[in-house]
Amino acid sequence: MKKWIQRHAQTYHRSTDSMKQFYERIHGLYWFVEKYMGHCLTDVMSELSARIPLSGRLTALEYCCGSGLLTIELSQYFEAVTARDLSPKMLARAQKRTARKSNISFSEGNVLHIDDPDSCADYAFISFGLHLFSPTDRKEILRQLLRTARKEVIIIEHLPKVELLVALAEWLEGSHYFDFVNTEWRKVADELNAHVDRDIICKMQVQRWRLNSSR
């Protein structure tokens, strides 16, 4: 089992096609992740809304939306939410989860090839997604997300080894699972001329990125 997961993890670090296939296969098992993560994202958004103004006619762009765990939380705070993911089956799961929400639009989208226009949303989000990519790809993803967001890019990731399930995922992947949340982000922020605020909410690391020119 470990070798199978590691083989797939190492593959999807290199290929979004392989990543798409991986999530198409496991989408039916995602209830386990949803059960663990749902309440945490509710707490994260509640805390964020207390720290930054998330009221008024604001819009959000979300990449790597998966089964819609964060998407449904965003719909509580934003007038319009655009959510994208590589996997049609994960998108179908997200649409079912958010069926009663009228302010969400879903579509297939590759975070490595963001074609949304500049400043198309007030905030851009990616949760539990950046760790899947190589350092070079992570930097390019952040560059593109910063381009799309008028205010901030908000990244949500696990903290290393604070929960058994997260430590297990790190062990199974056998990859640079937490390089970004530990140290790499500082170098990337300098290279992109970005300012980063970091908070710990519900055992998650929440990073708020914005270009220095917009501070």
N, C-alpha and C. Protein backbone atom coordinates (compact mmCIF):
# COMPACT_ATOMS: atom_id res chain seq x y z
N MET A 1 0.84 -1.21 0.00
CA MET A 1 0.00 0.00 0.00
C MET A 1 0.87 1.26 0.00
N LYS A 2 1.88 1.27 0.90
CA LYS A 2 2.75 2.43 0.96
C LYS A 2 3.45 2.65 -0.38
N LYS A 3 3.99 1.57 -0.96
CA LYS A 3 4.70 1.70 -2.23
C LYS A 3 3.78 2.21 -3.33
N TRP A 4 2.52 1.77 -3.33
CA TRP A 4 1.56 2.22 -4.36
C TRP A 4 1.32 3.72 -4.22
N ILE A 5 1.09 4.19 -2.99
CA ILE A 5 0.83 5.62 -2.77
C ILE A 5 2.06 6.44 -3.10
N GLN A 6 3.23 5.96 -2.68
CA GLN A 6 4.44 6.71 -2.97
C GLN A 6 4.69 6.80 -4.47
N ARG A 7 4.43 5.70 -5.17
CA ARG A 7 4.62 5.72 -6.63
C ARG A 7 3.72 6.75 -7.28
N HIS A 8 2.46 6.80 -6.86
CA HIS A 8 1.53 7.78 -7.41
C HIS A 8 1.88 9.19 -6.97
N ALA A 9 2.30 9.35 -5.73
CA ALA A 9 2.67 10.68 -5.25
C ALA A 9 3.85 11.22 -6.03
N GLN A 10 4.86 10.40 -6.26
CA GLN A 10 6.02 10.84 -7.01
C GLN A 10 5.65 11.15 -8.45
N THR A 11 4.68 10.44 -9.00
CA THR A 11 4.24 10.70 -10.36
C THR A 11 3.49 12.01 -10.46
N TYR A 12 2.55 12.27 -9.52
CA TYR A 12 1.77 13.48 -9.70
C TYR A 12 2.52 14.74 -9.33
N HIS A 13 3.68 14.62 -8.69
CA HIS A 13 4.53 15.79 -8.55
C HIS A 13 5.03 16.24 -9.92
N ARG A 14 5.11 15.32 -10.89
CA ARG A 14 5.67 15.64 -12.19
C ARG A 14 4.60 15.89 -13.25
N SER A 15 3.41 15.36 -13.09
CA SER A 15 2.43 15.37 -14.16
C SER A 15 1.04 15.68 -13.64
N THR A 16 0.43 16.74 -14.15
CA THR A 16 -0.94 17.04 -13.76
C THR A 16 -1.91 16.02 -14.33
N ASP A 17 -1.56 15.40 -15.46
CA ASP A 17 -2.41 14.33 -16.01
C ASP A 17 -2.47 13.16 -15.04
N SER A 18 -1.32 12.79 -14.48
CA SER A 18 -1.29 11.70 -13.50
C SER A 18 -2.02 12.09 -12.23
N MET A 19 -1.89 13.37 -11.83
CA MET A 19 -2.60 13.84 -10.66
C MET A 19 -4.11 13.74 -10.87
N LYS A 20 -4.55 14.14 -12.05
CA LYS A 20 -5.98 14.06 -12.37
C LYS A 20 -6.46 12.62 -12.29
N GLN A 21 -5.70 11.69 -12.86
CA GLN A 21 -6.08 10.29 -12.83
C GLN A 21 -6.13 9.76 -11.40
N PHE A 22 -5.18 10.19 -10.58
CA PHE A 22 -5.13 9.76 -9.19
C PHE A 22 -6.40 10.16 -8.45
N TYR A 23 -6.81 11.42 -8.58
CA TYR A 23 -8.00 11.90 -7.88
C TYR A 23 -9.29 11.36 -8.48
N GLU A 24 -9.26 11.05 -9.76
CA GLU A 24 -10.43 10.41 -10.36
C GLU A 24 -10.64 9.03 -9.74
N ARG A 25 -9.53 8.37 -9.40
CA ARG A 25 -9.64 7.02 -8.81
C ARG A 25 -10.10 7.05 -7.36
N ILE A 26 -9.64 8.03 -6.60
CA ILE A 26 -9.89 8.00 -5.15
C ILE A 26 -11.08 8.85 -4.72
N HIS A 27 -11.77 9.50 -5.65
CA HIS A 27 -12.81 10.45 -5.25
C HIS A 27 -13.86 9.80 -4.37
N GLY A 28 -14.16 8.53 -4.60
CA GLY A 28 -15.18 7.85 -3.81
C GLY A 28 -14.76 7.59 -2.37
N LEU A 29 -13.46 7.67 -2.09
CA LEU A 29 -12.95 7.46 -0.75
C LEU A 29 -12.72 8.77 -0.01
N TYR A 30 -13.09 9.88 -0.63
CA TYR A 30 -12.75 11.18 -0.08
C TYR A 30 -13.57 11.55 1.14
N TRP A 31 -14.58 10.76 1.43
CA TRP A 31 -15.40 11.04 2.63
C TRP A 31 -14.53 11.05 3.89
N PHE A 32 -13.45 10.24 3.89
CA PHE A 32 -12.58 10.18 5.05
C PHE A 32 -11.88 11.51 5.27
N VAL A 33 -11.38 12.11 4.18
CA VAL A 33 -10.74 13.42 4.25
C VAL A 33 -11.77 14.48 4.65
N GLU A 34 -12.95 14.39 4.07
CA GLU A 34 -13.99 15.38 4.35
C GLU A 34 -14.39 15.36 5.82
N LYS A 35 -14.50 14.19 6.38
CA LYS A 35 -14.89 14.07 7.79
C LYS A 35 -13.84 14.72 8.69
N TYR A 36 -12.57 14.57 8.33
CA TYR A 36 -11.49 15.10 9.15
C TYR A 36 -11.33 16.61 8.97
N MET A 37 -11.51 17.09 7.73
CA MET A 37 -11.16 18.47 7.40
C MET A 37 -12.28 19.48 7.55
N GLY A 38 -13.52 19.07 7.40
CA GLY A 38 -14.62 20.01 7.30
C GLY A 38 -14.69 21.02 8.42
N HIS A 39 -14.64 20.56 9.66
CA HIS A 39 -14.78 21.47 10.80
C HIS A 39 -13.59 22.41 10.90
N CYS A 40 -12.41 21.94 10.47
CA CYS A 40 -11.22 22.80 10.53
C CYS A 40 -11.37 23.99 9.59
N LEU A 41 -11.87 23.77 8.40
CA LEU A 41 -12.03 24.87 7.45
C LEU A 41 -13.12 25.83 7.89
N THR A 42 -14.13 25.34 8.58
CA THR A 42 -15.13 26.23 9.16
C THR A 42 -14.48 27.17 10.16
N ASP A 43 -13.62 26.62 11.02
CA ASP A 43 -12.92 27.43 12.01
C ASP A 43 -11.96 28.41 11.36
N VAL A 44 -11.25 27.96 10.33
CA VAL A 44 -10.30 28.82 9.63
C VAL A 44 -11.01 30.04 9.05
N MET A 45 -12.12 29.83 8.37
CA MET A 45 -12.81 30.96 7.75
C MET A 45 -13.43 31.87 8.80
N SER A 46 -13.91 31.31 9.91
CA SER A 46 -14.46 32.13 10.98
C SER A 46 -13.38 33.04 11.56
N GLU A 47 -12.20 32.48 11.80
CA GLU A 47 -11.08 33.27 12.33
C GLU A 47 -10.61 34.30 11.32
N LEU A 48 -10.52 33.92 10.06
CA LEU A 48 -10.08 34.86 9.03
C LEU A 48 -11.03 36.05 8.93
N SER A 49 -12.31 35.77 9.00
CA SER A 49 -13.29 36.85 8.87
C SER A 49 -13.21 37.83 10.04
N ALA A 50 -12.66 37.36 11.16
CA ALA A 50 -12.47 38.25 12.31
C ALA A 50 -11.22 39.09 12.17
N ARG A 51 -10.30 38.66 11.32
CA ARG A 51 -9.01 39.35 11.19
C ARG A 51 -8.94 40.25 9.96
N ILE A 52 -9.66 39.90 8.92
CA ILE A 52 -9.66 40.72 7.71
C ILE A 52 -11.11 40.95 7.29
N PRO A 53 -11.40 42.09 6.65
CA PRO A 53 -12.79 42.40 6.29
C PRO A 53 -13.28 41.53 5.13
N LEU A 54 -14.14 40.60 5.43
CA LEU A 54 -14.73 39.75 4.40
C LEU A 54 -16.22 40.04 4.29
N SER A 55 -16.54 41.30 4.14
CA SER A 55 -17.94 41.69 4.00
C SER A 55 -18.07 42.58 2.78
N GLY A 56 -19.29 42.76 2.34
CA GLY A 56 -19.52 43.56 1.15
C GLY A 56 -19.54 42.70 -0.10
N ARG A 57 -19.40 43.31 -1.23
CA ARG A 57 -19.53 42.61 -2.50
C ARG A 57 -18.17 42.11 -2.97
N LEU A 58 -17.64 41.15 -2.24
CA LEU A 58 -16.33 40.59 -2.55
C LEU A 58 -16.45 39.30 -3.36
N THR A 59 -15.41 39.02 -4.15
CA THR A 59 -15.39 37.80 -4.94
C THR A 59 -14.17 36.96 -4.58
N ALA A 60 -14.29 35.65 -4.78
CA ALA A 60 -13.20 34.72 -4.47
C ALA A 60 -12.96 33.79 -5.64
N LEU A 61 -11.70 33.50 -5.88
CA LEU A 61 -11.27 32.52 -6.88
C LEU A 61 -10.55 31.40 -6.14
N GLU A 62 -10.98 30.17 -6.34
CA GLU A 62 -10.35 29.03 -5.65
C GLU A 62 -9.86 28.02 -6.67
N TYR A 63 -8.60 27.63 -6.52
CA TYR A 63 -8.04 26.55 -7.34
C TYR A 63 -7.80 25.33 -6.46
N CYS A 64 -7.77 24.16 -7.11
CA CYS A 64 -7.64 22.87 -6.39
C CYS A 64 -8.77 22.74 -5.38
N CYS A 65 -9.99 23.01 -5.83
CA CYS A 65 -11.14 23.04 -4.90
C CYS A 65 -11.55 21.65 -4.43
N GLY A 66 -11.13 20.60 -5.14
CA GLY A 66 -11.44 19.24 -4.70
C GLY A 66 -12.94 19.02 -4.58
N SER A 67 -13.35 18.47 -3.44
CA SER A 67 -14.76 18.13 -3.24
C SER A 67 -15.57 19.28 -2.66
N GLY A 68 -14.99 20.48 -2.61
CA GLY A 68 -15.76 21.65 -2.22
C GLY A 68 -15.79 21.96 -0.75
N LEU A 69 -14.88 21.38 0.03
CA LEU A 69 -14.88 21.63 1.48
C LEU A 69 -14.66 23.11 1.80
N LEU A 70 -13.66 23.71 1.17
CA LEU A 70 -13.45 25.14 1.39
C LEU A 70 -14.47 25.97 0.62
N THR A 71 -14.85 25.50 -0.55
CA THR A 71 -15.76 26.26 -1.42
C THR A 71 -17.05 26.62 -0.70
N ILE A 72 -17.62 25.65 -0.01
CA ILE A 72 -18.89 25.92 0.66
C ILE A 72 -18.71 26.91 1.80
N GLU A 73 -17.54 26.91 2.43
CA GLU A 73 -17.26 27.91 3.47
C GLU A 73 -17.10 29.30 2.84
N LEU A 74 -16.42 29.37 1.71
CA LEU A 74 -16.23 30.66 1.03
C LEU A 74 -17.57 31.28 0.63
N SER A 75 -18.52 30.44 0.29
CA SER A 75 -19.82 30.95 -0.16
C SER A 75 -20.56 31.70 0.94
N GLN A 76 -20.15 31.47 2.20
CA GLN A 76 -20.79 32.17 3.32
C GLN A 76 -20.31 33.61 3.43
N TYR A 77 -19.13 33.89 2.85
CA TYR A 77 -18.48 35.19 3.06
C TYR A 77 -18.36 36.04 1.79
N PHE A 78 -18.48 35.40 0.63
CA PHE A 78 -18.25 36.12 -0.62
C PHE A 78 -19.52 36.15 -1.47
N GLU A 79 -19.69 37.25 -2.17
CA GLU A 79 -20.86 37.38 -3.03
C GLU A 79 -20.82 36.38 -4.18
N ALA A 80 -19.63 36.13 -4.71
CA ALA A 80 -19.48 35.18 -5.81
C ALA A 80 -18.18 34.41 -5.63
N VAL A 81 -18.25 33.10 -5.85
CA VAL A 81 -17.08 32.22 -5.73
C VAL A 81 -16.92 31.45 -7.04
N THR A 82 -15.72 31.51 -7.60
CA THR A 82 -15.37 30.70 -8.77
C THR A 82 -14.40 29.63 -8.32
N ALA A 83 -14.76 28.36 -8.51
CA ALA A 83 -13.95 27.25 -8.00
C ALA A 83 -13.54 26.35 -9.16
N ARG A 84 -12.26 25.99 -9.18
CA ARG A 84 -11.73 25.18 -10.28
C ARG A 84 -10.95 23.98 -9.72
N ASP A 85 -10.98 22.88 -10.48
CA ASP A 85 -10.22 21.69 -10.13
C ASP A 85 -9.94 20.89 -11.40
N LEU A 86 -8.89 20.09 -11.35
CA LEU A 86 -8.52 19.24 -12.49
C LEU A 86 -9.50 18.09 -12.73
N SER A 87 -10.06 17.58 -11.65
CA SER A 87 -10.80 16.32 -11.71
C SER A 87 -12.31 16.53 -11.88
N PRO A 88 -12.90 16.07 -12.99
CA PRO A 88 -14.35 16.18 -13.16
C PRO A 88 -15.14 15.46 -12.05
N LYS A 89 -14.62 14.33 -11.58
CA LYS A 89 -15.34 13.59 -10.55
C LYS A 89 -15.30 14.32 -9.21
N MET A 90 -14.19 14.97 -8.91
CA MET A 90 -14.14 15.78 -7.69
C MET A 90 -15.05 17.00 -7.83
N LEU A 91 -15.09 17.58 -9.00
CA LEU A 91 -16.00 18.72 -9.23
C LEU A 91 -17.45 18.30 -9.06
N ALA A 92 -17.78 17.11 -9.56
CA ALA A 92 -19.16 16.62 -9.40
C ALA A 92 -19.50 16.44 -7.92
N ARG A 93 -18.53 15.97 -7.16
CA ARG A 93 -18.74 15.83 -5.71
C ARG A 93 -18.93 17.19 -5.06
N ALA A 94 -18.14 18.17 -5.50
CA ALA A 94 -18.26 19.53 -4.96
C ALA A 94 -19.61 20.15 -5.32
N GLN A 95 -20.05 19.94 -6.54
CA GLN A 95 -21.34 20.49 -6.96
C GLN A 95 -22.49 19.89 -6.16
N LYS A 96 -22.40 18.60 -5.87
CA LYS A 96 -23.44 17.95 -5.05
C LYS A 96 -23.43 18.54 -3.64
N ARG A 97 -22.24 18.76 -3.09
CA ARG A 97 -22.12 19.30 -1.73
C ARG A 97 -22.73 20.70 -1.65
N THR A 98 -22.58 21.49 -2.70
CA THR A 98 -22.97 22.90 -2.66
C THR A 98 -24.23 23.18 -3.48
N ALA A 99 -25.03 22.16 -3.72
CA ALA A 99 -26.18 22.28 -4.63
C ALA A 99 -27.13 23.40 -4.25
N ARG A 100 -27.24 23.70 -2.98
CA ARG A 100 -28.18 24.73 -2.54
C ARG A 100 -27.60 26.14 -2.58
N LYS A 101 -26.35 26.26 -2.98
CA LYS A 101 -25.69 27.56 -3.06
C LYS A 101 -25.79 28.11 -4.48
N SER A 102 -26.26 29.35 -4.58
CA SER A 102 -26.44 29.95 -5.90
C SER A 102 -25.31 30.89 -6.30
N ASN A 103 -24.34 31.08 -5.41
CA ASN A 103 -23.27 32.04 -5.70
C ASN A 103 -21.93 31.38 -6.01
N ILE A 104 -21.98 30.09 -6.41
CA ILE A 104 -20.75 29.35 -6.74
C ILE A 104 -20.82 28.89 -8.19
N SER A 105 -19.72 29.07 -8.90
CA SER A 105 -19.60 28.51 -10.25
C SER A 105 -18.38 27.61 -10.29
N PHE A 106 -18.54 26.40 -10.84
CA PHE A 106 -17.46 25.43 -10.93
C PHE A 106 -17.04 25.24 -12.38
N SER A 107 -15.75 24.95 -12.56
CA SER A 107 -15.26 24.59 -13.89
C SER A 107 -13.92 23.88 -13.74
N GLU A 108 -13.57 23.09 -14.76
CA GLU A 108 -12.26 22.46 -14.76
C GLU A 108 -11.19 23.52 -14.95
N GLY A 109 -10.10 23.37 -14.22
CA GLY A 109 -9.01 24.33 -14.33
C GLY A 109 -7.72 23.76 -13.78
N ASN A 110 -6.63 24.03 -14.47
CA ASN A 110 -5.32 23.54 -14.09
C ASN A 110 -4.54 24.67 -13.43
N VAL A 111 -4.19 24.50 -12.18
CA VAL A 111 -3.52 25.57 -11.44
C VAL A 111 -2.13 25.86 -12.02
N LEU A 112 -1.58 24.94 -12.81
CA LEU A 112 -0.30 25.19 -13.47
C LEU A 112 -0.46 26.03 -14.74
N HIS A 113 -1.68 26.22 -15.16
CA HIS A 113 -1.95 27.01 -16.37
C HIS A 113 -3.14 27.92 -16.11
N ILE A 114 -2.96 28.87 -15.23
CA ILE A 114 -4.04 29.78 -14.86
C ILE A 114 -4.23 30.81 -15.97
N ASP A 115 -5.43 30.82 -16.55
CA ASP A 115 -5.69 31.78 -17.63
C ASP A 115 -6.72 32.83 -17.24
N ASP A 116 -7.02 32.93 -15.96
CA ASP A 116 -7.91 33.98 -15.48
C ASP A 116 -7.21 35.34 -15.67
N PRO A 117 -7.98 36.39 -15.96
CA PRO A 117 -7.36 37.71 -16.18
C PRO A 117 -6.79 38.30 -14.89
N ASP A 118 -5.95 39.29 -15.05
CA ASP A 118 -5.38 39.99 -13.90
C ASP A 118 -6.49 40.60 -13.05
N SER A 119 -6.30 40.57 -11.73
CA SER A 119 -7.21 41.22 -10.78
C SER A 119 -8.67 40.83 -11.02
N CYS A 120 -8.90 39.55 -11.27
CA CYS A 120 -10.26 39.09 -11.58
C CYS A 120 -11.08 38.79 -10.32
N ALA A 121 -10.43 38.71 -9.16
CA ALA A 121 -11.14 38.43 -7.91
C ALA A 121 -10.49 39.21 -6.79
N ASP A 122 -11.25 39.44 -5.73
CA ASP A 122 -10.67 40.13 -4.58
C ASP A 122 -9.66 39.25 -3.86
N TYR A 123 -10.01 37.98 -3.66
CA TYR A 123 -9.13 37.04 -2.97
C TYR A 123 -9.00 35.77 -3.81
N ALA A 124 -7.81 35.18 -3.79
CA ALA A 124 -7.59 33.86 -4.41
C ALA A 124 -7.21 32.88 -3.30
N PHE A 125 -7.73 31.67 -3.39
CA PHE A 125 -7.51 30.66 -2.36
C PHE A 125 -6.97 29.37 -2.97
N ILE A 126 -6.14 28.69 -2.19
CA ILE A 126 -5.76 27.31 -2.49
C ILE A 126 -5.53 26.60 -1.15
N SER A 127 -6.23 25.51 -0.93
CA SER A 127 -6.11 24.80 0.35
C SER A 127 -5.63 23.37 0.11
N PHE A 128 -4.64 22.95 0.89
CA PHE A 128 -4.10 21.60 0.85
C PHE A 128 -3.71 21.19 -0.58
N GLY A 129 -3.17 22.16 -1.34
CA GLY A 129 -2.84 21.88 -2.73
C GLY A 129 -1.39 22.15 -3.10
N LEU A 130 -0.79 23.19 -2.54
CA LEU A 130 0.56 23.56 -2.97
C LEU A 130 1.59 22.48 -2.68
N HIS A 131 1.40 21.73 -1.61
CA HIS A 131 2.41 20.72 -1.26
C HIS A 131 2.50 19.61 -2.30
N LEU A 132 1.51 19.51 -3.19
CA LEU A 132 1.53 18.48 -4.21
C LEU A 132 2.53 18.76 -5.33
N PHE A 133 3.00 20.00 -5.42
CA PHE A 133 3.80 20.41 -6.57
C PHE A 133 5.26 20.59 -6.22
N SER A 134 6.09 20.60 -7.24
CA SER A 134 7.51 20.82 -7.05
C SER A 134 7.76 22.27 -6.63
N PRO A 135 8.90 22.58 -6.05
CA PRO A 135 9.20 23.97 -5.68
C PRO A 135 9.10 24.94 -6.85
N THR A 136 9.57 24.55 -8.01
CA THR A 136 9.49 25.42 -9.19
C THR A 136 8.04 25.70 -9.57
N ASP A 137 7.23 24.65 -9.54
CA ASP A 137 5.81 24.83 -9.88
C ASP A 137 5.09 25.65 -8.82
N ARG A 138 5.43 25.44 -7.54
CA ARG A 138 4.79 26.21 -6.48
C ARG A 138 5.03 27.71 -6.67
N LYS A 139 6.25 28.06 -7.02
CA LYS A 139 6.58 29.46 -7.23
C LYS A 139 5.76 30.05 -8.37
N GLU A 140 5.62 29.31 -9.46
CA GLU A 140 4.85 29.81 -10.60
C GLU A 140 3.36 29.91 -10.27
N ILE A 141 2.85 28.94 -9.51
CA ILE A 141 1.45 29.00 -9.09
C ILE A 141 1.19 30.26 -8.27
N LEU A 142 2.08 30.54 -7.34
CA LEU A 142 1.92 31.73 -6.50
C LEU A 142 2.03 33.01 -7.33
N ARG A 143 2.94 33.01 -8.29
CA ARG A 143 3.06 34.19 -9.15
C ARG A 143 1.75 34.47 -9.89
N GLN A 144 1.15 33.41 -10.40
CA GLN A 144 -0.09 33.57 -11.16
C GLN A 144 -1.27 33.93 -10.25
N LEU A 145 -1.34 33.31 -9.08
CA LEU A 145 -2.43 33.64 -8.16
C LEU A 145 -2.33 35.09 -7.68
N LEU A 146 -1.12 35.55 -7.41
CA LEU A 146 -0.94 36.95 -7.01
C LEU A 146 -1.39 37.90 -8.12
N ARG A 147 -1.23 37.47 -9.34
CA ARG A 147 -1.69 38.28 -10.48
C ARG A 147 -3.21 38.39 -10.52
N THR A 148 -3.90 37.33 -10.13
CA THR A 148 -5.36 37.32 -10.25
C THR A 148 -6.07 38.02 -9.10
N ALA A 149 -5.38 38.15 -7.95
CA ALA A 149 -6.05 38.65 -6.73
C ALA A 149 -5.84 40.16 -6.56
N ARG A 150 -6.93 40.88 -6.36
CA ARG A 150 -6.82 42.32 -6.11
C ARG A 150 -6.30 42.60 -4.70
N LYS A 151 -6.63 41.74 -3.76
CA LYS A 151 -6.26 41.98 -2.36
C LYS A 151 -5.19 40.99 -1.88
N GLU A 152 -5.56 39.73 -1.72
CA GLU A 152 -4.62 38.75 -1.15
C GLU A 152 -4.82 37.37 -1.75
N VAL A 153 -3.76 36.58 -1.67
CA VAL A 153 -3.83 35.14 -1.93
C VAL A 153 -3.73 34.45 -0.58
N ILE A 154 -4.67 33.56 -0.31
CA ILE A 154 -4.71 32.88 0.98
C ILE A 154 -4.46 31.39 0.76
N ILE A 155 -3.44 30.88 1.47
CA ILE A 155 -3.01 29.49 1.35
C ILE A 155 -3.26 28.80 2.68
N ILE A 156 -3.87 27.64 2.62
CA ILE A 156 -4.15 26.86 3.83
C ILE A 156 -3.46 25.51 3.69
N GLU A 157 -2.60 25.18 4.65
CA GLU A 157 -1.88 23.90 4.64
C GLU A 157 -1.80 23.34 6.05
N HIS A 158 -1.58 22.04 6.12
CA HIS A 158 -1.37 21.39 7.41
C HIS A 158 -0.08 21.86 8.05
N LEU A 159 -0.04 21.84 9.36
CA LEU A 159 1.23 21.97 10.07
C LEU A 159 1.88 20.59 10.17
N PRO A 160 3.19 20.54 10.09
CA PRO A 160 3.87 19.24 10.14
C PRO A 160 3.64 18.48 11.43
N LYS A 161 3.21 17.23 11.30
CA LYS A 161 3.20 16.26 12.40
C LYS A 161 2.39 16.67 13.62
N VAL A 162 1.38 17.51 13.42
CA VAL A 162 0.56 17.86 14.58
C VAL A 162 -0.60 16.90 14.77
N GLU A 163 -0.92 16.14 13.74
CA GLU A 163 -1.98 15.14 13.82
C GLU A 163 -1.46 13.82 13.26
N LEU A 164 -1.93 12.71 13.80
CA LEU A 164 -1.50 11.40 13.34
C LEU A 164 -1.80 11.21 11.86
N LEU A 165 -2.99 11.63 11.42
CA LEU A 165 -3.37 11.45 10.02
C LEU A 165 -2.44 12.21 9.09
N VAL A 166 -2.05 13.43 9.49
CA VAL A 166 -1.15 14.23 8.66
C VAL A 166 0.24 13.62 8.62
N ALA A 167 0.73 13.17 9.77
CA ALA A 167 2.03 12.52 9.81
C ALA A 167 2.03 11.25 8.96
N LEU A 168 0.91 10.53 8.96
CA LEU A 168 0.79 9.34 8.15
C LEU A 168 0.84 9.68 6.66
N ALA A 169 0.15 10.76 6.28
CA ALA A 169 0.17 11.18 4.88
C ALA A 169 1.58 11.56 4.44
N GLU A 170 2.30 12.25 5.32
CA GLU A 170 3.68 12.63 5.01
C GLU A 170 4.55 11.39 4.82
N TRP A 171 4.39 10.43 5.70
CA TRP A 171 5.17 9.20 5.62
C TRP A 171 4.85 8.43 4.34
N LEU A 172 3.58 8.35 4.00
CA LEU A 172 3.17 7.60 2.82
C LEU A 172 3.65 8.26 1.53
N GLU A 173 3.58 9.57 1.48
CA GLU A 173 4.00 10.25 0.27
C GLU A 173 5.49 10.09 0.02
N GLY A 174 6.29 10.09 1.06
CA GLY A 174 7.72 9.98 0.89
C GLY A 174 8.28 11.12 0.06
N SER A 175 7.76 12.33 0.24
CA SER A 175 8.12 13.47 -0.60
C SER A 175 8.39 14.69 0.26
N HIS A 176 8.53 15.84 -0.41
CA HIS A 176 8.78 17.10 0.29
C HIS A 176 7.45 17.70 0.76
N TYR A 177 6.69 16.93 1.50
CA TYR A 177 5.30 17.28 1.84
C TYR A 177 5.20 18.64 2.52
N PHE A 178 6.12 18.96 3.43
CA PHE A 178 5.98 20.19 4.20
C PHE A 178 7.11 21.19 3.97
N ASP A 179 7.87 21.01 2.90
CA ASP A 179 8.94 21.96 2.62
C ASP A 179 8.42 23.39 2.57
N PHE A 180 7.28 23.55 1.93
CA PHE A 180 6.77 24.90 1.71
C PHE A 180 6.37 25.57 3.01
N VAL A 181 5.60 24.88 3.84
CA VAL A 181 5.11 25.53 5.07
C VAL A 181 6.21 25.72 6.10
N ASN A 182 7.30 24.98 5.99
CA ASN A 182 8.38 25.11 6.96
C ASN A 182 9.33 26.26 6.63
N THR A 183 9.94 26.24 5.46
CA THR A 183 10.99 27.22 5.16
C THR A 183 10.92 27.84 3.77
N GLU A 184 10.48 27.07 2.80
CA GLU A 184 10.60 27.51 1.42
C GLU A 184 9.85 28.80 1.11
N TRP A 185 8.73 29.03 1.81
CA TRP A 185 7.89 30.19 1.50
C TRP A 185 8.65 31.51 1.64
N ARG A 186 9.61 31.58 2.58
CA ARG A 186 10.35 32.83 2.77
C ARG A 186 11.14 33.21 1.52
N LYS A 187 11.82 32.23 0.94
CA LYS A 187 12.60 32.47 -0.27
C LYS A 187 11.69 32.86 -1.43
N VAL A 188 10.57 32.15 -1.57
CA VAL A 188 9.64 32.44 -2.66
C VAL A 188 9.06 33.84 -2.52
N ALA A 189 8.71 34.22 -1.30
CA ALA A 189 8.15 35.56 -1.07
C ALA A 189 9.14 36.64 -1.48
N ASP A 190 10.41 36.46 -1.14
CA ASP A 190 11.43 37.42 -1.54
C ASP A 190 11.55 37.50 -3.05
N GLU A 191 11.55 36.36 -3.70
CA GLU A 191 11.71 36.33 -5.16
C GLU A 191 10.51 36.94 -5.88
N LEU A 192 9.33 36.84 -5.29
CA LEU A 192 8.12 37.39 -5.92
C LEU A 192 7.79 38.80 -5.41
N ASN A 193 8.65 39.33 -4.55
CA ASN A 193 8.42 40.66 -3.97
C ASN A 193 7.05 40.71 -3.27
N ALA A 194 6.81 39.71 -2.45
CA ALA A 194 5.52 39.59 -1.76
C ALA A 194 5.71 39.65 -0.25
N HIS A 195 4.68 40.14 0.42
CA HIS A 195 4.63 40.14 1.88
C HIS A 195 3.71 39.01 2.32
N VAL A 196 4.12 38.29 3.37
CA VAL A 196 3.34 37.15 3.84
C VAL A 196 3.06 37.30 5.33
N ASP A 197 1.78 37.21 5.70
CA ASP A 197 1.37 37.10 7.10
C ASP A 197 0.98 35.65 7.36
N ARG A 198 1.45 35.08 8.47
CA ARG A 198 1.14 33.70 8.79
C ARG A 198 0.40 33.60 10.11
N ASP A 199 -0.63 32.78 10.13
CA ASP A 199 -1.38 32.50 11.35
C ASP A 199 -1.53 31.00 11.51
N ILE A 200 -1.69 30.55 12.73
CA ILE A 200 -2.01 29.15 13.01
C ILE A 200 -3.46 29.11 13.49
N ILE A 201 -4.31 28.44 12.74
CA ILE A 201 -5.73 28.35 13.06
C ILE A 201 -6.14 26.89 12.97
N CYS A 202 -6.68 26.37 14.05
CA CYS A 202 -7.18 24.98 14.08
C CYS A 202 -6.11 24.01 13.56
N LYS A 203 -4.87 24.19 14.03
CA LYS A 203 -3.75 23.34 13.66
C LYS A 203 -3.44 23.38 12.17
N MET A 204 -3.85 24.46 11.54
CA MET A 204 -3.52 24.70 10.13
C MET A 204 -2.65 25.95 10.03
N GLN A 205 -1.75 25.96 9.06
CA GLN A 205 -1.01 27.18 8.78
C GLN A 205 -1.75 27.93 7.67
N VAL A 206 -2.09 29.18 7.96
CA VAL A 206 -2.79 30.04 7.00
C VAL A 206 -1.85 31.16 6.61
N GLN A 207 -1.52 31.23 5.34
CA GLN A 207 -0.63 32.26 4.82
C GLN A 207 -1.42 33.24 3.97
N ARG A 208 -1.20 34.53 4.23
CA ARG A 208 -1.87 35.59 3.46
C ARG A 208 -0.80 36.34 2.66
N TRP A 209 -0.82 36.15 1.37
CA TRP A 209 0.19 36.73 0.47
C TRP A 209 -0.36 37.96 -0.24
N ARG A 210 0.47 38.97 -0.35
CA ARG A 210 0.12 40.12 -1.18
C ARG A 210 1.41 40.74 -1.71
N LEU A 211 1.33 41.31 -2.88
CA LEU A 211 2.49 41.97 -3.47
C LEU A 211 2.86 43.19 -2.66
N ASN A 212 4.13 43.42 -2.48
CA ASN A 212 4.59 44.56 -1.70
C ASN A 212 4.09 45.88 -2.26
N SER A 213 3.93 45.98 -3.55
CA SER A 213 3.47 47.20 -4.17
C SER A 213 2.04 47.54 -3.80
N SER A 214 1.29 46.53 -3.30
CA SER A 214 -0.12 46.76 -2.97
C SER A 214 -0.35 46.90 -1.47
N ARG A 215 0.72 46.91 -0.69
CA ARG A 215 0.55 47.01 0.78
C ARG A 215 0.05 48.38 1.18
